[in-house]
C-alpha atoms as a PDB file:
ATOM      1  CA  MET A   1      74.877 103.230  84.002  1.00  0.00           C
ATOM      2  CA  LYS A   2      78.612 103.079  84.655  1.00  0.00           C
ATOM      3  CA  PRO A   3      79.726 100.993  87.687  1.00  0.00           C
ATOM      4  CA  LYS A   4      81.130 102.977  90.601  1.00  0.00           C
ATOM      5  CA  GLU A   5      84.916 103.115  90.558  1.00  0.00           C
ATOM      6  CA  GLU A   6      86.737 102.290  93.766  1.00  0.00           C
ATOM      7  CA  LYS A   7      89.940 104.095  94.684  1.00  0.00           C
ATOM      8  CA  PHE A   8      92.450 103.142  97.341  1.00  0.00           C
ATOM      9  CA  PHE A   9      93.661 105.645  99.951  1.00  0.00           C
ATOM     10  CA  GLY A  10      97.315 104.912  99.207  1.00  0.00           C
ATOM     11  CA  CYS A  11      97.074 105.995  95.567  1.00  0.00           C
ATOM     12  CA  LYS A  12      96.817 109.452  94.111  1.00  0.00           C
ATOM     13  CA  LYS A  13      94.726 110.015  91.006  1.00  0.00           C
ATOM     14  CA  GLY A  14      96.467 108.384  88.051  1.00  0.00           C
ATOM     15  CA  GLU A  15      99.134 106.731  90.226  1.00  0.00           C
ATOM     16  CA  THR A  16      99.721 102.998  90.002  1.00  0.00           C
ATOM     17  CA  VAL A  17     100.958 100.717  92.745  1.00  0.00           C
ATOM     18  CA  LYS A  18     102.784  97.509  91.967  1.00  0.00           C
ATOM     19  CA  LEU A  19     101.512  94.331  93.577  1.00  0.00           C
ATOM     20  CA  ASN A  20     102.971  90.883  93.271  1.00  0.00           C
ATOM     21  CA  ILE A  21     100.712  87.894  92.619  1.00  0.00           C
ATOM     22  CA  LYS A  22     100.467  86.935  96.303  1.00  0.00           C
ATOM     23  CA  GLU A  23      99.616  90.489  97.405  1.00  0.00           C
ATOM     24  CA  ALA A  24      96.946  90.638  94.701  1.00  0.00           C
ATOM     25  CA  LYS A  25      95.422  87.361  95.953  1.00  0.00           C
ATOM     26  CA  CYS A  26      95.248  88.702  99.517  1.00  0.00           C
ATOM     27  CA  LEU A  27      93.801  92.028  98.371  1.00  0.00           C
ATOM     28  CA  ASN A  28      91.125  90.273  96.291  1.00  0.00           C
ATOM     29  CA  VAL A  29      90.061  88.273  99.356  1.00  0.00           C
ATOM     30  CA  LEU A  30      89.873  91.432 101.493  1.00  0.00           C
ATOM     31  CA  ARG A  31      87.888  93.256  98.797  1.00  0.00           C
ATOM     32  CA  ARG A  32      85.469  90.334  98.401  1.00  0.00           C
ATOM     33  CA  PHE A  33      84.112  90.879 101.925  1.00  0.00           C
ATOM     34  CA  LYS A  34      83.754  94.681 101.686  1.00  0.00           C
ATOM     35  CA  ASP A  35      79.949  94.754 101.532  1.00  0.00           C
ATOM     36  CA  SER A  36      79.215  91.727 103.700  1.00  0.00           C
ATOM     37  CA  ASP A  37      78.659  91.323 107.425  1.00  0.00           C
ATOM     38  CA  VAL A  38      82.232  90.036 107.662  1.00  0.00           C
ATOM     39  CA  TYR A  39      84.198  93.198 106.982  1.00  0.00           C
ATOM     40  CA  CYS A  40      87.637  92.401 108.454  1.00  0.00           C
ATOM     41  CA  LEU A  41      89.405  89.073 108.212  1.00  0.00           C
ATOM     42  CA  TYR A  42      91.894  87.091 110.282  1.00  0.00           C
ATOM     43  CA  PHE A  43      95.104  85.723 108.757  1.00  0.00           C
ATOM     44  CA  LYS A  44      93.642  82.214 109.040  1.00  0.00           C
ATOM     45  CA  THR A  45      90.633  83.122 106.879  1.00  0.00           C
ATOM     46  CA  ILE A  46      92.876  84.754 104.263  1.00  0.00           C
ATOM     47  CA  MET A  47      95.120  81.669 104.356  1.00  0.00           C
ATOM     48  CA  ASN A  48      92.164  79.342 103.717  1.00  0.00           C
ATOM     49  CA  LEU A  49      90.816  81.424 100.842  1.00  0.00           C
ATOM     50  CA  THR A  50      94.159  82.036  99.076  1.00  0.00           C
ATOM     51  CA  GLY A  51      95.964  78.761  99.765  1.00  0.00           C
ATOM     52  CA  LEU A  52      99.011  80.697 101.021  1.00  0.00           C
ATOM     53  CA  ASP A  53     100.872  79.905 104.238  1.00  0.00           C
ATOM     54  CA  ARG A  54     100.641  82.125 107.347  1.00  0.00           C
ATOM     55  CA  LYS A  55     104.066  83.739 106.922  1.00  0.00           C
ATOM     56  CA  THR A  56     103.303  84.728 103.323  1.00  0.00           C
ATOM     57  CA  VAL A  57      99.834  86.070 104.171  1.00  0.00           C
ATOM     58  CA  ARG A  58     101.273  88.097 107.058  1.00  0.00           C
ATOM     59  CA  ARG A  59     103.973  89.574 104.828  1.00  0.00           C
ATOM     60  CA  CYS A  60     101.545  90.382 101.995  1.00  0.00           C
ATOM     61  CA  VAL A  61      98.829  91.951 104.166  1.00  0.00           C
ATOM     62  CA  ARG A  62     101.334  94.100 106.033  1.00  0.00           C
ATOM     63  CA  SER A  63     102.783  95.206 102.696  1.00  0.00           C
ATOM     64  CA  LEU A  64      99.274  96.157 101.562  1.00  0.00           C
ATOM     65  CA  GLU A  65      98.876  98.139 104.781  1.00  0.00           C
ATOM     66  CA  ARG A  66     102.109 100.074 104.109  1.00  0.00           C
ATOM     67  CA  LYS A  67     100.825 100.839 100.615  1.00  0.00           C
ATOM     68  CA  GLY A  68      97.544 102.134 102.075  1.00  0.00           C
ATOM     69  CA  MET A  69      95.352  99.364 100.651  1.00  0.00           C
ATOM     70  CA  ALA A  70      94.555  97.563 103.905  1.00  0.00           C
ATOM     71  CA  LYS A  71      94.159  98.556 107.510  1.00  0.00           C
ATOM     72  CA  TYR A  72      94.613  96.778 110.814  1.00  0.00           C
ATOM     73  CA  VAL A  73      91.556  96.682 113.063  1.00  0.00           C
ATOM     74  CA  ARG A  74      91.546  95.659 116.730  1.00  0.00           C
ATOM     75  CA  GLY A  75      88.591  94.404 118.717  1.00  0.00           C
ATOM     76  CA  LEU A  76      86.742  92.267 116.190  1.00  0.00           C
ATOM     77  CA  PHE A  77      83.654  90.411 117.385  1.00  0.00           C
ATOM     78  CA  ASN A  78      82.405  86.974 116.418  1.00  0.00           C
ATOM     79  CA  MET A  79      78.778  86.101 115.603  1.00  0.00           C
ATOM     80  CA  ASP A  80      78.018  85.558 119.305  1.00  0.00           C
ATOM     81  CA  GLY A  81      79.101  89.104 120.151  1.00  0.00           C
ATOM     82  CA  GLU A  82      82.280  88.035 121.925  1.00  0.00           C
ATOM     83  CA  VAL A  83      85.619  89.749 121.345  1.00  0.00           C
ATOM     84  CA  ALA A  84      87.489  87.620 118.840  1.00  0.00           C
ATOM     85  CA  GLY A  85      90.797  89.428 118.263  1.00  0.00           C
ATOM     86  CA  SER A  86      92.048  91.573 115.424  1.00  0.00           C
ATOM     87  CA  GLY A  87      92.255  91.449 111.638  1.00  0.00           C
ATOM     88  CA  TYR A  88      92.671  93.347 108.393  1.00  0.00           C
ATOM     89  CA  CYS A  89      90.247  94.876 105.908  1.00  0.00           C
ATOM     90  CA  ALA A  90      90.538  96.577 102.513  1.00  0.00           C
ATOM     91  CA  VAL A  91      90.568 100.389 102.439  1.00  0.00           C
ATOM     92  CA  PHE A  92      88.591 102.277  99.808  1.00  0.00           C
ATOM     93  CA  LYS A  93      88.278 105.949  98.931  1.00  0.00           C
ATOM     94  CA  ASP A  94      85.039 107.550  97.800  1.00  0.00           C
ATOM     95  CA  LYS A  95      84.961 109.756  94.708  1.00  0.00           C
ATOM     96  CA  SER A  96      83.966 112.693  96.927  1.00  0.00           C
ATOM     97  CA  GLU A  97      87.302 112.390  98.788  1.00  0.00           C
ATOM     98  CA  GLU A  98      89.308 112.374  95.536  1.00  0.00           C
ATOM     99  CA  GLU A  99      89.524 116.135  95.156  1.00  0.00           C
END
């Protein structure tokens, strides 16, 4: 059985988007948490997992958002159910939305 392909909203079928190494690191971290309870991440979490500084993470994640590969989400909650701020998550497109 072939694994399900994931497509990003910002890309049309067959189109490629250029990412630099730092953007790719940030995107990989965002994608890693797609199917977990932790869906969106703060800059601090991305910083810890990539080893990049805050300014670089901010620049990379916002670039990914402009390219349609990440989205900004307000009103995130922590494990205690309290409002914890905002963050970013990876954006995927289903095959059914491709056509």
